[in-house]
Protein backbone atom coordinates (compact mmCIF):
# COMPACT_ATOMS: atom_id res chain seq x y z
CA MET A 1 13.94 -12.38 57.16
CA THR A 2 13.42 -10.57 53.95
CA LYS A 3 16.07 -10.21 51.37
CA ASN A 4 17.90 -6.91 51.06
CA GLY A 5 18.76 -5.37 47.70
CA LYS A 6 16.88 -5.26 44.46
CA ALA A 7 14.18 -7.71 43.50
CA LYS A 8 15.27 -10.94 41.88
CA ASN A 9 13.33 -10.55 38.66
CA GLY A 10 12.45 -6.88 38.94
CA ILE A 11 14.33 -5.77 35.83
CA ASN A 12 12.93 -8.56 33.64
CA LYS A 13 9.40 -7.95 34.89
CA ALA A 14 9.74 -4.24 34.19
CA LYS A 15 10.98 -4.91 30.65
CA HIS A 16 8.22 -7.42 30.03
CA THR A 17 5.54 -5.03 31.28
CA LYS A 18 6.98 -2.23 29.15
CA LEU A 19 6.91 -4.41 26.03
CA LEU A 20 3.37 -5.64 26.71
CA ASN A 21 2.15 -2.07 27.22
CA ARG A 22 3.83 -1.03 23.98
CA LYS A 23 2.12 -3.90 22.17
CA LYS A 24 -1.30 -3.03 23.66
CA ASN A 25 -0.89 0.64 22.71
CA LYS A 26 0.10 -0.30 19.17
CA ILE A 27 -3.01 -2.45 18.78
CA LYS A 28 -5.23 0.31 20.20
CA GLN A 29 -3.73 2.85 17.80
CA GLN A 30 -4.24 0.52 14.83
CA LYS A 31 -7.88 -0.03 15.76
CA GLU A 32 -8.41 3.71 16.17
CA ARG A 33 -6.80 4.44 12.79
CA ASN A 34 -9.01 1.82 11.14
CA LYS A 35 -12.12 3.35 12.73
CA GLN A 36 -11.16 6.81 11.49
CA ARG A 37 -10.39 5.49 8.02
CA LEU A 38 -13.74 3.71 7.80
CA LYS A 39 -15.59 6.79 9.07
CA ALA A 40 -13.95 8.94 6.40
CA LEU A 41 -14.73 6.34 3.74
CA ASN A 42 -18.39 6.11 4.81
CA LYS A 43 -18.67 9.88 4.80
CA LYS A 44 -17.23 10.05 1.29
CA ILE A 45 -19.59 7.31 0.05
CA ASN A 46 -22.60 9.02 1.62
CA GLU A 47 -21.67 12.33 0.01
CA ARG A 48 -21.39 10.65 -3.38
CA GLY A 49 -24.78 9.03 -2.86
CA GLU A 50 -26.38 12.35 -1.97
CA ASN A 51 -24.80 13.99 -5.02
CA ASN A 52 -26.12 11.19 -7.24
CA LYS A 53 -29.63 11.64 -5.81
CA ILE A 54 -29.54 15.38 -6.46
CA ASN A 55 -28.28 14.86 -10.03
CA ALA A 56 -30.94 12.21 -10.70
CA GLN A 57 -33.74 14.53 -9.57
CA GLU A 58 -32.63 17.32 -11.90
């Protein structure tokens, strides 16, 4: 016969899953922020390079 009532480790498993999901989301957000930061930096560097080329030609 099956046991009646709540699961033996249901609360702990739920907490653990919640914490792991939080950790995964935090890592994803950090990676996304780094990508955006690097894209902005590359864009800024490329714009400076283009400006330098234009100034050198004049």
